[in-house]
Amino acid sequence: MAEEKDGRRVGRPPLTERRKAATRLEIAREAVRLFAAQGVAATTADEIAAAAGISPRTLWRYCSSKEECVGPLLTTALDAAAERLTSWPRERTLTDGISAHPPGRSATALAEDEQALRDLVRLVRTEPGLRAVWLQVHHAAEPVLARVFAARTGLSPDALAPRVQAALLNTALRVAVEEWAWNTAPGAGSPGEAITEVLAIAEAGLPR
């Protein structure tokens, strides 16, 4: 059961919140499936609602536009990474924590969501509405990541160093996922492999 600690909710969220999160994620998956199959313009909110097994009125309680329906598919991975990094052992590098697979997920579930994420990120190249959601999700992630760095260094999340570190990591994660999704070569690696490669480039610093 979730409890309050220092103004933050910790522990497992209440059942109603978990159900809402599951519904949002199911909406996102179905929206991406329909967008990939027939395009964003040709897909209606009613079709997304029907595919997710909910009414259009319920859909609009979760999303303000059909493009925003995909948000949870993006935020789930970022939220899981931020939560994992918050409790990551100090003797281990954050790079290891970022690249680690989320616990408690089956290989099948991971593969299904990876494919949906790949389909979505491929769409952001040509669909301005989806790209706006993609960039907004990453923008919202920066203060969360800044708090992770601040907690490890003892600085304020508003200090310059955690904010710059968060921006660097956030951009690296975005570029890594885009590189993975847009790579159509046979035998292309996993998102984790793309993230590891991009983080190595980021850690090497700027060229002289």
N, C-alpha and C. Protein backbone atom coordinates (compact mmCIF):
# COMPACT_ATOMS: atom_id res chain seq x y z
N MET A 1 0.84 -1.19 0.00
CA MET A 1 0.00 0.00 0.00
C MET A 1 0.88 1.24 0.00
N ALA A 2 0.50 2.27 -0.76
CA ALA A 2 1.30 3.47 -0.87
C ALA A 2 1.18 4.31 0.39
N GLU A 3 2.30 4.93 0.80
CA GLU A 3 2.32 5.82 1.94
C GLU A 3 2.95 7.13 1.52
N GLU A 4 2.74 8.17 2.35
CA GLU A 4 3.33 9.47 2.08
C GLU A 4 4.65 9.58 2.83
N LYS A 5 5.70 10.05 2.15
CA LYS A 5 7.00 10.26 2.76
C LYS A 5 7.60 11.52 2.17
N ASP A 6 7.81 12.54 3.05
CA ASP A 6 8.36 13.82 2.59
C ASP A 6 7.55 14.40 1.45
N GLY A 7 6.24 14.25 1.53
CA GLY A 7 5.37 14.81 0.50
C GLY A 7 5.29 13.99 -0.76
N ARG A 8 5.99 12.86 -0.82
CA ARG A 8 5.96 12.01 -2.01
C ARG A 8 5.28 10.71 -1.70
N ARG A 9 4.59 10.16 -2.67
CA ARG A 9 3.94 8.87 -2.51
C ARG A 9 4.96 7.78 -2.77
N VAL A 10 5.11 6.86 -1.83
CA VAL A 10 6.05 5.76 -2.00
C VAL A 10 5.30 4.45 -1.83
N GLY A 11 5.93 3.36 -2.25
CA GLY A 11 5.27 2.06 -2.16
C GLY A 11 4.36 1.83 -3.36
N ARG A 12 3.64 0.75 -3.32
CA ARG A 12 2.78 0.37 -4.44
C ARG A 12 1.54 1.26 -4.47
N PRO A 13 1.18 1.80 -5.65
CA PRO A 13 0.01 2.66 -5.73
C PRO A 13 -1.28 1.90 -5.46
N PRO A 14 -2.33 2.61 -5.02
CA PRO A 14 -3.61 1.95 -4.75
C PRO A 14 -4.15 1.25 -6.01
N LEU A 15 -5.05 0.29 -5.78
CA LEU A 15 -5.58 -0.50 -6.88
C LEU A 15 -6.22 0.37 -7.95
N THR A 16 -6.99 1.40 -7.54
CA THR A 16 -7.65 2.25 -8.53
C THR A 16 -6.62 2.95 -9.41
N GLU A 17 -5.50 3.38 -8.83
CA GLU A 17 -4.47 4.04 -9.63
C GLU A 17 -3.81 3.05 -10.58
N ARG A 18 -3.61 1.83 -10.12
CA ARG A 18 -3.01 0.82 -10.99
C ARG A 18 -3.94 0.49 -12.15
N ARG A 19 -5.25 0.42 -11.85
CA ARG A 19 -6.21 0.16 -12.94
C ARG A 19 -6.23 1.30 -13.95
N LYS A 20 -6.17 2.54 -13.45
CA LYS A 20 -6.15 3.68 -14.36
C LYS A 20 -4.89 3.66 -15.21
N ALA A 21 -3.75 3.34 -14.59
CA ALA A 21 -2.50 3.26 -15.34
C ALA A 21 -2.56 2.16 -16.39
N ALA A 22 -3.16 1.02 -16.03
CA ALA A 22 -3.29 -0.08 -16.99
C ALA A 22 -4.20 0.31 -18.15
N THR A 23 -5.27 1.04 -17.85
CA THR A 23 -6.18 1.50 -18.90
C THR A 23 -5.48 2.47 -19.83
N ARG A 24 -4.72 3.41 -19.25
CA ARG A 24 -3.99 4.38 -20.08
C ARG A 24 -3.00 3.68 -21.00
N LEU A 25 -2.32 2.67 -20.47
CA LEU A 25 -1.34 1.96 -21.28
C LEU A 25 -2.01 1.15 -22.38
N GLU A 26 -3.17 0.56 -22.08
CA GLU A 26 -3.89 -0.18 -23.11
C GLU A 26 -4.39 0.76 -24.21
N ILE A 27 -4.86 1.93 -23.83
CA ILE A 27 -5.27 2.93 -24.82
C ILE A 27 -4.09 3.28 -25.71
N ALA A 28 -2.92 3.51 -25.09
CA ALA A 28 -1.72 3.88 -25.85
C ALA A 28 -1.34 2.79 -26.85
N ARG A 29 -1.35 1.55 -26.38
CA ARG A 29 -0.99 0.43 -27.27
C ARG A 29 -1.92 0.35 -28.47
N GLU A 30 -3.22 0.47 -28.21
CA GLU A 30 -4.19 0.37 -29.31
C GLU A 30 -4.09 1.57 -30.24
N ALA A 31 -3.83 2.75 -29.69
CA ALA A 31 -3.68 3.94 -30.53
C ALA A 31 -2.49 3.77 -31.47
N VAL A 32 -1.36 3.30 -30.94
CA VAL A 32 -0.18 3.09 -31.78
C VAL A 32 -0.46 2.04 -32.84
N ARG A 33 -1.12 0.97 -32.45
CA ARG A 33 -1.43 -0.10 -33.42
C ARG A 33 -2.26 0.45 -34.58
N LEU A 34 -3.26 1.25 -34.26
CA LEU A 34 -4.11 1.81 -35.30
C LEU A 34 -3.38 2.87 -36.12
N PHE A 35 -2.59 3.72 -35.45
CA PHE A 35 -1.83 4.74 -36.17
C PHE A 35 -0.85 4.10 -37.15
N ALA A 36 -0.19 3.03 -36.70
CA ALA A 36 0.78 2.37 -37.57
C ALA A 36 0.11 1.67 -38.74
N ALA A 37 -1.10 1.17 -38.52
CA ALA A 37 -1.80 0.42 -39.57
C ALA A 37 -2.47 1.31 -40.60
N GLN A 38 -3.03 2.43 -40.15
CA GLN A 38 -3.83 3.23 -41.09
C GLN A 38 -3.52 4.72 -41.06
N GLY A 39 -2.55 5.13 -40.27
CA GLY A 39 -2.19 6.54 -40.23
C GLY A 39 -2.96 7.29 -39.16
N VAL A 40 -2.38 8.39 -38.70
CA VAL A 40 -3.02 9.18 -37.64
C VAL A 40 -4.29 9.85 -38.15
N ALA A 41 -4.20 10.48 -39.32
CA ALA A 41 -5.34 11.23 -39.85
C ALA A 41 -6.55 10.34 -40.08
N ALA A 42 -6.32 9.09 -40.48
CA ALA A 42 -7.42 8.17 -40.79
C ALA A 42 -7.97 7.46 -39.56
N THR A 43 -7.35 7.66 -38.42
CA THR A 43 -7.79 6.99 -37.19
C THR A 43 -8.62 7.94 -36.35
N THR A 44 -9.77 7.49 -35.90
CA THR A 44 -10.63 8.31 -35.07
C THR A 44 -10.52 7.92 -33.61
N ALA A 45 -10.90 8.85 -32.75
CA ALA A 45 -10.91 8.57 -31.31
C ALA A 45 -11.88 7.45 -30.99
N ASP A 46 -12.99 7.39 -31.71
CA ASP A 46 -13.96 6.32 -31.48
C ASP A 46 -13.35 4.95 -31.77
N GLU A 47 -12.51 4.86 -32.81
CA GLU A 47 -11.86 3.59 -33.13
C GLU A 47 -10.88 3.19 -32.03
N ILE A 48 -10.14 4.17 -31.50
CA ILE A 48 -9.19 3.88 -30.42
C ILE A 48 -9.95 3.39 -29.19
N ALA A 49 -11.05 4.07 -28.87
CA ALA A 49 -11.84 3.68 -27.70
C ALA A 49 -12.38 2.27 -27.86
N ALA A 50 -12.92 1.97 -29.04
CA ALA A 50 -13.48 0.64 -29.27
C ALA A 50 -12.40 -0.44 -29.17
N ALA A 51 -11.22 -0.15 -29.71
CA ALA A 51 -10.13 -1.13 -29.65
C ALA A 51 -9.67 -1.37 -28.22
N ALA A 52 -9.74 -0.31 -27.39
CA ALA A 52 -9.32 -0.43 -25.99
C ALA A 52 -10.42 -0.96 -25.09
N GLY A 53 -11.64 -1.14 -25.65
CA GLY A 53 -12.75 -1.68 -24.89
C GLY A 53 -13.38 -0.70 -23.93
N ILE A 54 -13.33 0.61 -24.28
CA ILE A 54 -13.93 1.64 -23.44
C ILE A 54 -14.81 2.54 -24.31
N SER A 55 -15.59 3.40 -23.68
CA SER A 55 -16.43 4.32 -24.42
C SER A 55 -15.62 5.56 -24.82
N PRO A 56 -16.06 6.26 -25.89
CA PRO A 56 -15.38 7.50 -26.27
C PRO A 56 -15.35 8.51 -25.12
N ARG A 57 -16.43 8.58 -24.33
CA ARG A 57 -16.44 9.51 -23.20
C ARG A 57 -15.34 9.17 -22.20
N THR A 58 -15.14 7.88 -21.95
CA THR A 58 -14.06 7.47 -21.05
C THR A 58 -12.70 7.81 -21.64
N LEU A 59 -12.55 7.62 -22.94
CA LEU A 59 -11.28 7.95 -23.60
C LEU A 59 -10.92 9.41 -23.37
N TRP A 60 -11.92 10.30 -23.51
CA TRP A 60 -11.63 11.73 -23.36
C TRP A 60 -11.35 12.12 -21.92
N ARG A 61 -11.69 11.25 -20.98
CA ARG A 61 -11.31 11.53 -19.59
C ARG A 61 -9.81 11.27 -19.39
N TYR A 62 -9.24 10.41 -20.23
CA TYR A 62 -7.82 10.09 -20.11
C TYR A 62 -6.95 10.93 -21.05
N CYS A 63 -7.49 11.37 -22.17
CA CYS A 63 -6.69 12.07 -23.19
C CYS A 63 -7.44 13.28 -23.69
N SER A 64 -6.72 14.34 -24.02
CA SER A 64 -7.36 15.54 -24.56
C SER A 64 -7.30 15.57 -26.09
N SER A 65 -6.53 14.67 -26.69
CA SER A 65 -6.48 14.53 -28.15
C SER A 65 -6.09 13.10 -28.48
N LYS A 66 -6.35 12.68 -29.69
CA LYS A 66 -6.02 11.29 -30.04
C LYS A 66 -4.52 11.07 -30.05
N GLU A 67 -3.75 12.13 -30.40
CA GLU A 67 -2.30 11.99 -30.38
C GLU A 67 -1.79 11.79 -28.95
N GLU A 68 -2.39 12.46 -27.98
CA GLU A 68 -1.94 12.33 -26.59
C GLU A 68 -2.22 10.94 -26.01
N CYS A 69 -3.04 10.17 -26.68
CA CYS A 69 -3.31 8.81 -26.21
C CYS A 69 -2.04 7.97 -26.09
N VAL A 70 -1.02 8.28 -26.89
CA VAL A 70 0.18 7.45 -26.92
C VAL A 70 1.13 7.77 -25.76
N GLY A 71 0.90 8.86 -25.05
CA GLY A 71 1.82 9.30 -24.02
C GLY A 71 2.26 8.24 -23.02
N PRO A 72 1.33 7.47 -22.44
CA PRO A 72 1.73 6.48 -21.44
C PRO A 72 2.74 5.45 -21.93
N LEU A 73 2.73 5.14 -23.21
CA LEU A 73 3.72 4.19 -23.73
C LEU A 73 5.12 4.77 -23.61
N LEU A 74 5.22 6.10 -23.67
CA LEU A 74 6.51 6.77 -23.55
C LEU A 74 6.87 7.02 -22.09
N THR A 75 5.91 7.48 -21.31
CA THR A 75 6.20 7.83 -19.92
C THR A 75 6.46 6.60 -19.05
N THR A 76 5.85 5.47 -19.39
CA THR A 76 6.05 4.27 -18.58
C THR A 76 7.52 3.88 -18.52
N ALA A 77 8.20 3.90 -19.66
CA ALA A 77 9.62 3.53 -19.69
C ALA A 77 10.47 4.56 -18.96
N LEU A 78 10.19 5.84 -19.15
CA LEU A 78 10.96 6.88 -18.48
C LEU A 78 10.72 6.87 -16.98
N ASP A 79 9.47 6.68 -16.57
CA ASP A 79 9.16 6.62 -15.14
C ASP A 79 9.85 5.43 -14.48
N ALA A 80 9.84 4.29 -15.18
CA ALA A 80 10.48 3.10 -14.62
C ALA A 80 11.98 3.31 -14.48
N ALA A 81 12.59 3.97 -15.47
CA ALA A 81 14.03 4.24 -15.40
C ALA A 81 14.35 5.18 -14.25
N ALA A 82 13.54 6.24 -14.09
CA ALA A 82 13.76 7.20 -13.01
C ALA A 82 13.61 6.54 -11.65
N GLU A 83 12.60 5.68 -11.51
CA GLU A 83 12.38 4.98 -10.24
C GLU A 83 13.54 4.04 -9.95
N ARG A 84 14.03 3.35 -10.98
CA ARG A 84 15.14 2.42 -10.81
C ARG A 84 16.40 3.17 -10.39
N LEU A 85 16.64 4.33 -11.02
CA LEU A 85 17.84 5.09 -10.71
C LEU A 85 17.80 5.69 -9.31
N THR A 86 16.60 6.01 -8.84
CA THR A 86 16.46 6.61 -7.51
C THR A 86 16.98 5.67 -6.42
N SER A 87 16.77 4.39 -6.58
CA SER A 87 17.21 3.42 -5.58
C SER A 87 18.44 2.63 -6.02
N TRP A 88 19.09 3.07 -7.10
CA TRP A 88 20.24 2.34 -7.62
C TRP A 88 21.42 2.45 -6.64
N PRO A 89 22.10 1.32 -6.34
CA PRO A 89 23.21 1.35 -5.38
C PRO A 89 24.28 2.36 -5.79
N ARG A 90 24.80 3.09 -4.81
CA ARG A 90 25.79 4.11 -5.10
C ARG A 90 27.10 3.53 -5.60
N GLU A 91 27.38 2.27 -5.25
CA GLU A 91 28.63 1.65 -5.71
C GLU A 91 28.55 1.21 -7.16
N ARG A 92 27.38 1.27 -7.75
CA ARG A 92 27.22 0.91 -9.15
C ARG A 92 26.93 2.16 -9.97
N THR A 93 27.40 2.18 -11.21
CA THR A 93 27.24 3.38 -12.02
C THR A 93 25.79 3.54 -12.48
N LEU A 94 25.40 4.78 -12.70
CA LEU A 94 24.05 5.04 -13.20
C LEU A 94 23.87 4.48 -14.60
N THR A 95 24.96 4.38 -15.36
CA THR A 95 24.87 3.80 -16.70
C THR A 95 24.31 2.39 -16.65
N ASP A 96 24.78 1.60 -15.66
CA ASP A 96 24.26 0.24 -15.51
C ASP A 96 22.77 0.26 -15.19
N GLY A 97 22.36 1.20 -14.35
CA GLY A 97 20.95 1.29 -13.97
C GLY A 97 20.06 1.70 -15.12
N ILE A 98 20.57 2.57 -15.96
CA ILE A 98 19.78 3.04 -17.10
C ILE A 98 19.56 1.92 -18.11
N SER A 99 20.60 1.11 -18.33
CA SER A 99 20.54 0.05 -19.34
C SER A 99 19.85 -1.21 -18.85
N ALA A 100 19.63 -1.33 -17.53
CA ALA A 100 19.05 -2.56 -16.98
C ALA A 100 17.60 -2.72 -17.40
N HIS A 101 17.19 -3.98 -17.60
CA HIS A 101 15.79 -4.26 -17.91
C HIS A 101 14.94 -4.04 -16.67
N PRO A 102 13.72 -3.51 -16.82
CA PRO A 102 12.85 -3.35 -15.66
C PRO A 102 12.50 -4.69 -15.05
N PRO A 103 12.50 -4.80 -13.72
CA PRO A 103 12.19 -6.08 -13.08
C PRO A 103 10.70 -6.40 -13.18
N GLY A 104 10.38 -7.67 -13.06
CA GLY A 104 8.98 -8.08 -13.00
C GLY A 104 8.26 -8.10 -14.33
N ARG A 105 8.96 -7.95 -15.45
CA ARG A 105 8.33 -7.99 -16.76
C ARG A 105 8.77 -9.24 -17.49
N SER A 106 7.82 -9.93 -18.10
CA SER A 106 8.16 -11.12 -18.87
C SER A 106 8.81 -10.72 -20.19
N ALA A 107 9.56 -11.65 -20.78
CA ALA A 107 10.20 -11.37 -22.06
C ALA A 107 9.17 -11.06 -23.13
N THR A 108 8.02 -11.73 -23.08
CA THR A 108 6.96 -11.49 -24.06
C THR A 108 6.40 -10.09 -23.94
N ALA A 109 6.11 -9.66 -22.70
CA ALA A 109 5.57 -8.32 -22.47
C ALA A 109 6.56 -7.25 -22.91
N LEU A 110 7.83 -7.46 -22.59
CA LEU A 110 8.85 -6.50 -23.01
C LEU A 110 8.93 -6.41 -24.53
N ALA A 111 8.89 -7.55 -25.21
CA ALA A 111 8.98 -7.56 -26.66
C ALA A 111 7.79 -6.85 -27.29
N GLU A 112 6.59 -7.06 -26.74
CA GLU A 112 5.39 -6.43 -27.28
C GLU A 112 5.46 -4.91 -27.14
N ASP A 113 5.87 -4.44 -25.96
CA ASP A 113 5.94 -3.00 -25.76
C ASP A 113 7.11 -2.39 -26.54
N GLU A 114 8.19 -3.13 -26.71
CA GLU A 114 9.30 -2.64 -27.52
C GLU A 114 8.85 -2.43 -28.96
N GLN A 115 8.06 -3.38 -29.50
CA GLN A 115 7.58 -3.24 -30.87
C GLN A 115 6.64 -2.05 -31.00
N ALA A 116 5.75 -1.88 -30.01
CA ALA A 116 4.84 -0.74 -30.04
C ALA A 116 5.62 0.57 -29.95
N LEU A 117 6.65 0.61 -29.10
CA LEU A 117 7.48 1.81 -28.98
C LEU A 117 8.21 2.10 -30.28
N ARG A 118 8.72 1.06 -30.92
CA ARG A 118 9.42 1.25 -32.19
C ARG A 118 8.47 1.81 -33.25
N ASP A 119 7.26 1.24 -33.33
CA ASP A 119 6.27 1.74 -34.28
C ASP A 119 5.96 3.21 -34.02
N LEU A 120 5.82 3.57 -32.74
CA LEU A 120 5.48 4.94 -32.38
C LEU A 120 6.60 5.91 -32.73
N VAL A 121 7.83 5.58 -32.35
CA VAL A 121 8.95 6.49 -32.59
C VAL A 121 9.22 6.64 -34.09
N ARG A 122 8.93 5.60 -34.86
CA ARG A 122 9.05 5.75 -36.32
C ARG A 122 8.02 6.74 -36.85
N LEU A 123 6.85 6.76 -36.23
CA LEU A 123 5.80 7.66 -36.68
C LEU A 123 6.11 9.12 -36.37
N VAL A 124 6.88 9.39 -35.31
CA VAL A 124 7.11 10.79 -34.94
C VAL A 124 7.89 11.54 -36.00
N ARG A 125 8.55 10.81 -36.89
CA ARG A 125 9.29 11.47 -37.97
C ARG A 125 8.35 12.21 -38.93
N THR A 126 7.18 11.66 -39.14
CA THR A 126 6.28 12.20 -40.16
C THR A 126 4.97 12.75 -39.60
N GLU A 127 4.72 12.54 -38.31
CA GLU A 127 3.47 12.99 -37.70
C GLU A 127 3.76 14.07 -36.66
N PRO A 128 3.52 15.35 -37.00
CA PRO A 128 3.86 16.45 -36.08
C PRO A 128 3.17 16.34 -34.73
N GLY A 129 1.92 15.87 -34.71
CA GLY A 129 1.20 15.75 -33.44
C GLY A 129 1.85 14.75 -32.51
N LEU A 130 2.30 13.63 -33.06
CA LEU A 130 2.98 12.63 -32.24
C LEU A 130 4.36 13.10 -31.83
N ARG A 131 5.04 13.83 -32.71
CA ARG A 131 6.37 14.34 -32.34
C ARG A 131 6.25 15.34 -31.20
N ALA A 132 5.19 16.14 -31.19
CA ALA A 132 4.98 17.08 -30.10
C ALA A 132 4.82 16.34 -28.76
N VAL A 133 4.09 15.24 -28.78
CA VAL A 133 3.93 14.44 -27.57
C VAL A 133 5.27 13.85 -27.14
N TRP A 134 6.03 13.32 -28.09
CA TRP A 134 7.34 12.72 -27.84
C TRP A 134 8.29 13.72 -27.16
N LEU A 135 8.33 14.95 -27.70
CA LEU A 135 9.21 15.96 -27.14
C LEU A 135 8.70 16.47 -25.79
N GLN A 136 7.40 16.57 -25.63
CA GLN A 136 6.84 17.02 -24.37
C GLN A 136 7.12 16.03 -23.25
N VAL A 137 7.03 14.75 -23.54
CA VAL A 137 7.32 13.72 -22.54
C VAL A 137 8.77 13.85 -22.07
N HIS A 138 9.68 14.06 -23.00
CA HIS A 138 11.08 14.21 -22.61
C HIS A 138 11.33 15.52 -21.85
N HIS A 139 10.64 16.55 -22.24
CA HIS A 139 10.77 17.82 -21.51
C HIS A 139 10.32 17.65 -20.06
N ALA A 140 9.22 16.95 -19.87
CA ALA A 140 8.70 16.73 -18.52
C ALA A 140 9.61 15.81 -17.71
N ALA A 141 10.41 14.99 -18.37
CA ALA A 141 11.29 14.05 -17.66
C ALA A 141 12.51 14.73 -17.05
N GLU A 142 12.90 15.88 -17.57
CA GLU A 142 14.15 16.51 -17.11
C GLU A 142 14.17 16.83 -15.61
N PRO A 143 13.14 17.46 -15.05
CA PRO A 143 13.19 17.72 -13.61
C PRO A 143 13.20 16.44 -12.77
N VAL A 144 12.58 15.38 -13.28
CA VAL A 144 12.60 14.10 -12.57
C VAL A 144 14.03 13.55 -12.53
N LEU A 145 14.71 13.60 -13.67
CA LEU A 145 16.09 13.12 -13.73
C LEU A 145 17.01 14.02 -12.92
N ALA A 146 16.73 15.33 -12.89
CA ALA A 146 17.54 16.25 -12.09
C ALA A 146 17.47 15.88 -10.61
N ARG A 147 16.30 15.45 -10.15
CA ARG A 147 16.17 15.04 -8.75
C ARG A 147 16.97 13.77 -8.47
N VAL A 148 17.08 12.89 -9.47
CA VAL A 148 17.89 11.68 -9.31
C VAL A 148 19.35 12.06 -9.11
N PHE A 149 19.88 12.93 -9.96
CA PHE A 149 21.28 13.36 -9.84
C PHE A 149 21.50 14.14 -8.55
N ALA A 150 20.54 14.97 -8.19
CA ALA A 150 20.68 15.75 -6.97
C ALA A 150 20.75 14.86 -5.74
N ALA A 151 19.95 13.80 -5.72
CA ALA A 151 19.94 12.90 -4.58
C ALA A 151 21.27 12.17 -4.42
N ARG A 152 21.94 11.90 -5.54
CA ARG A 152 23.22 11.19 -5.47
C ARG A 152 24.38 12.11 -5.13
N THR A 153 24.22 13.39 -5.38
CA THR A 153 25.33 14.32 -5.17
C THR A 153 25.13 15.24 -3.98
N GLY A 154 23.93 15.24 -3.41
CA GLY A 154 23.66 16.12 -2.28
C GLY A 154 23.36 17.55 -2.66
N LEU A 155 23.20 17.81 -3.94
CA LEU A 155 22.88 19.16 -4.40
C LEU A 155 21.37 19.36 -4.48
N SER A 156 20.97 20.60 -4.66
CA SER A 156 19.57 20.91 -4.90
C SER A 156 19.21 20.53 -6.33
N PRO A 157 17.99 20.03 -6.57
CA PRO A 157 17.58 19.74 -7.95
C PRO A 157 17.59 20.97 -8.84
N ASP A 158 17.55 22.17 -8.23
CA ASP A 158 17.57 23.40 -9.01
C ASP A 158 18.98 23.89 -9.29
N ALA A 159 19.98 23.21 -8.72
CA ALA A 159 21.37 23.59 -8.98
C ALA A 159 21.71 23.33 -10.45
N LEU A 160 22.71 24.05 -10.92
CA LEU A 160 23.05 23.97 -12.35
C LEU A 160 23.52 22.57 -12.75
N ALA A 161 24.38 21.96 -11.94
CA ALA A 161 24.95 20.67 -12.32
C ALA A 161 23.89 19.58 -12.54
N PRO A 162 22.97 19.34 -11.59
CA PRO A 162 21.95 18.32 -11.83
C PRO A 162 21.07 18.63 -13.04
N ARG A 163 20.79 19.90 -13.26
CA ARG A 163 19.94 20.26 -14.40
C ARG A 163 20.65 19.97 -15.72
N VAL A 164 21.94 20.31 -15.80
CA VAL A 164 22.70 20.03 -17.02
C VAL A 164 22.85 18.52 -17.21
N GLN A 165 23.16 17.80 -16.13
CA GLN A 165 23.30 16.34 -16.21
C GLN A 165 21.99 15.70 -16.66
N ALA A 166 20.86 16.20 -16.13
CA ALA A 166 19.56 15.67 -16.53
C ALA A 166 19.28 15.94 -18.00
N ALA A 167 19.64 17.14 -18.47
CA ALA A 167 19.42 17.47 -19.88
C ALA A 167 20.27 16.59 -20.78
N LEU A 168 21.52 16.34 -20.37
CA LEU A 168 22.40 15.49 -21.16
C LEU A 168 21.86 14.06 -21.24
N LEU A 169 21.47 13.52 -20.08
CA LEU A 169 20.95 12.16 -20.07
C LEU A 169 19.64 12.06 -20.84
N ASN A 170 18.77 13.04 -20.66
CA ASN A 170 17.48 13.04 -21.34
C ASN A 170 17.66 13.03 -22.86
N THR A 171 18.55 13.89 -23.35
CA THR A 171 18.80 13.95 -24.79
C THR A 171 19.44 12.66 -25.29
N ALA A 172 20.36 12.10 -24.48
CA ALA A 172 21.00 10.84 -24.88
C ALA A 172 19.97 9.72 -25.00
N LEU A 173 19.05 9.66 -24.03
CA LEU A 173 18.02 8.63 -24.08
C LEU A 173 17.12 8.81 -25.31
N ARG A 174 16.75 10.06 -25.60
CA ARG A 174 15.89 10.32 -26.76
C ARG A 174 16.59 9.91 -28.05
N VAL A 175 17.85 10.32 -28.22
CA VAL A 175 18.59 9.99 -29.43
C VAL A 175 18.78 8.47 -29.55
N ALA A 176 19.05 7.82 -28.42
CA ALA A 176 19.27 6.36 -28.45
C ALA A 176 18.02 5.63 -28.91
N VAL A 177 16.87 6.01 -28.38
CA VAL A 177 15.63 5.33 -28.76
C VAL A 177 15.28 5.63 -30.22
N GLU A 178 15.52 6.88 -30.64
CA GLU A 178 15.27 7.20 -32.05
C GLU A 178 16.19 6.40 -32.97
N GLU A 179 17.47 6.29 -32.61
CA GLU A 179 18.42 5.52 -33.41
C GLU A 179 17.99 4.07 -33.51
N TRP A 180 17.57 3.51 -32.36
CA TRP A 180 17.11 2.12 -32.35
C TRP A 180 15.86 1.93 -33.21
N ALA A 181 14.90 2.84 -33.05
CA ALA A 181 13.63 2.70 -33.77
C ALA A 181 13.78 2.91 -35.27
N TRP A 182 14.64 3.85 -35.64
CA TRP A 182 14.78 4.20 -37.05
C TRP A 182 15.75 3.27 -37.79
N ASN A 183 16.48 2.45 -37.06
CA ASN A 183 17.43 1.53 -37.67
C ASN A 183 16.68 0.34 -38.26
N THR A 184 16.67 0.25 -39.56
CA THR A 184 15.94 -0.83 -40.24
C THR A 184 16.86 -1.95 -40.71
N ALA A 185 18.14 -1.88 -40.35
CA ALA A 185 19.08 -2.92 -40.78
C ALA A 185 18.72 -4.25 -40.13
N PRO A 186 18.91 -5.36 -40.84
CA PRO A 186 18.64 -6.69 -40.25
C PRO A 186 19.51 -6.90 -39.01
N GLY A 187 18.91 -7.51 -37.99
CA GLY A 187 19.67 -7.80 -36.78
C GLY A 187 19.94 -6.60 -35.90
N ALA A 188 19.16 -5.52 -36.09
CA ALA A 188 19.34 -4.33 -35.25
C ALA A 188 19.17 -4.71 -33.79
N GLY A 189 19.96 -4.09 -32.91
CA GLY A 189 19.97 -4.46 -31.51
C GLY A 189 18.75 -3.99 -30.74
N SER A 190 18.82 -4.15 -29.43
CA SER A 190 17.73 -3.79 -28.54
C SER A 190 17.84 -2.33 -28.13
N PRO A 191 16.79 -1.76 -27.52
CA PRO A 191 16.89 -0.39 -27.00
C PRO A 191 18.02 -0.26 -25.99
N GLY A 192 18.19 -1.28 -25.13
CA GLY A 192 19.25 -1.23 -24.13
C GLY A 192 20.62 -1.12 -24.76
N GLU A 193 20.85 -1.83 -25.86
CA GLU A 193 22.14 -1.76 -26.54
C GLU A 193 22.36 -0.38 -27.16
N ALA A 194 21.30 0.19 -27.73
CA ALA A 194 21.41 1.53 -28.31
C ALA A 194 21.70 2.56 -27.22
N ILE A 195 21.04 2.42 -26.07
CA ILE A 195 21.25 3.34 -24.96
C ILE A 195 22.69 3.25 -24.46
N THR A 196 23.21 2.03 -24.32
CA THR A 196 24.58 1.84 -23.85
C THR A 196 25.57 2.50 -24.80
N GLU A 197 25.36 2.34 -26.11
CA GLU A 197 26.26 2.94 -27.10
C GLU A 197 26.21 4.46 -27.04
N VAL A 198 25.01 5.02 -26.95
CA VAL A 198 24.88 6.48 -26.92
C VAL A 198 25.45 7.05 -25.62
N LEU A 199 25.24 6.36 -24.50
CA LEU A 199 25.79 6.85 -23.23
C LEU A 199 27.31 6.84 -23.26
N ALA A 200 27.91 5.87 -23.92
CA ALA A 200 29.38 5.85 -24.05
C ALA A 200 29.87 7.06 -24.82
N ILE A 201 29.14 7.44 -25.87
CA ILE A 201 29.49 8.63 -26.64
C ILE A 201 29.35 9.87 -25.77
N ALA A 202 28.25 9.95 -25.00
CA ALA A 202 28.02 11.10 -24.14
C ALA A 202 29.08 11.22 -23.06
N GLU A 203 29.47 10.09 -22.48
CA GLU A 203 30.48 10.10 -21.42
C GLU A 203 31.86 10.51 -21.94
N ALA A 204 32.10 10.28 -23.23
CA ALA A 204 33.38 10.68 -23.81
C ALA A 204 33.53 12.19 -23.91
N GLY A 205 32.40 12.90 -23.85
CA GLY A 205 32.44 14.34 -23.85
C GLY A 205 32.47 14.95 -25.25
N LEU A 206 32.56 16.27 -25.27
CA LEU A 206 32.58 17.00 -26.53
C LEU A 206 33.92 16.87 -27.23
N PRO A 207 33.95 16.88 -28.55
CA PRO A 207 35.24 16.83 -29.24
C PRO A 207 36.02 18.14 -29.02
N ARG A 208 37.32 18.04 -29.05
CA ARG A 208 38.15 19.23 -28.84
C ARG A 208 38.23 20.06 -30.11
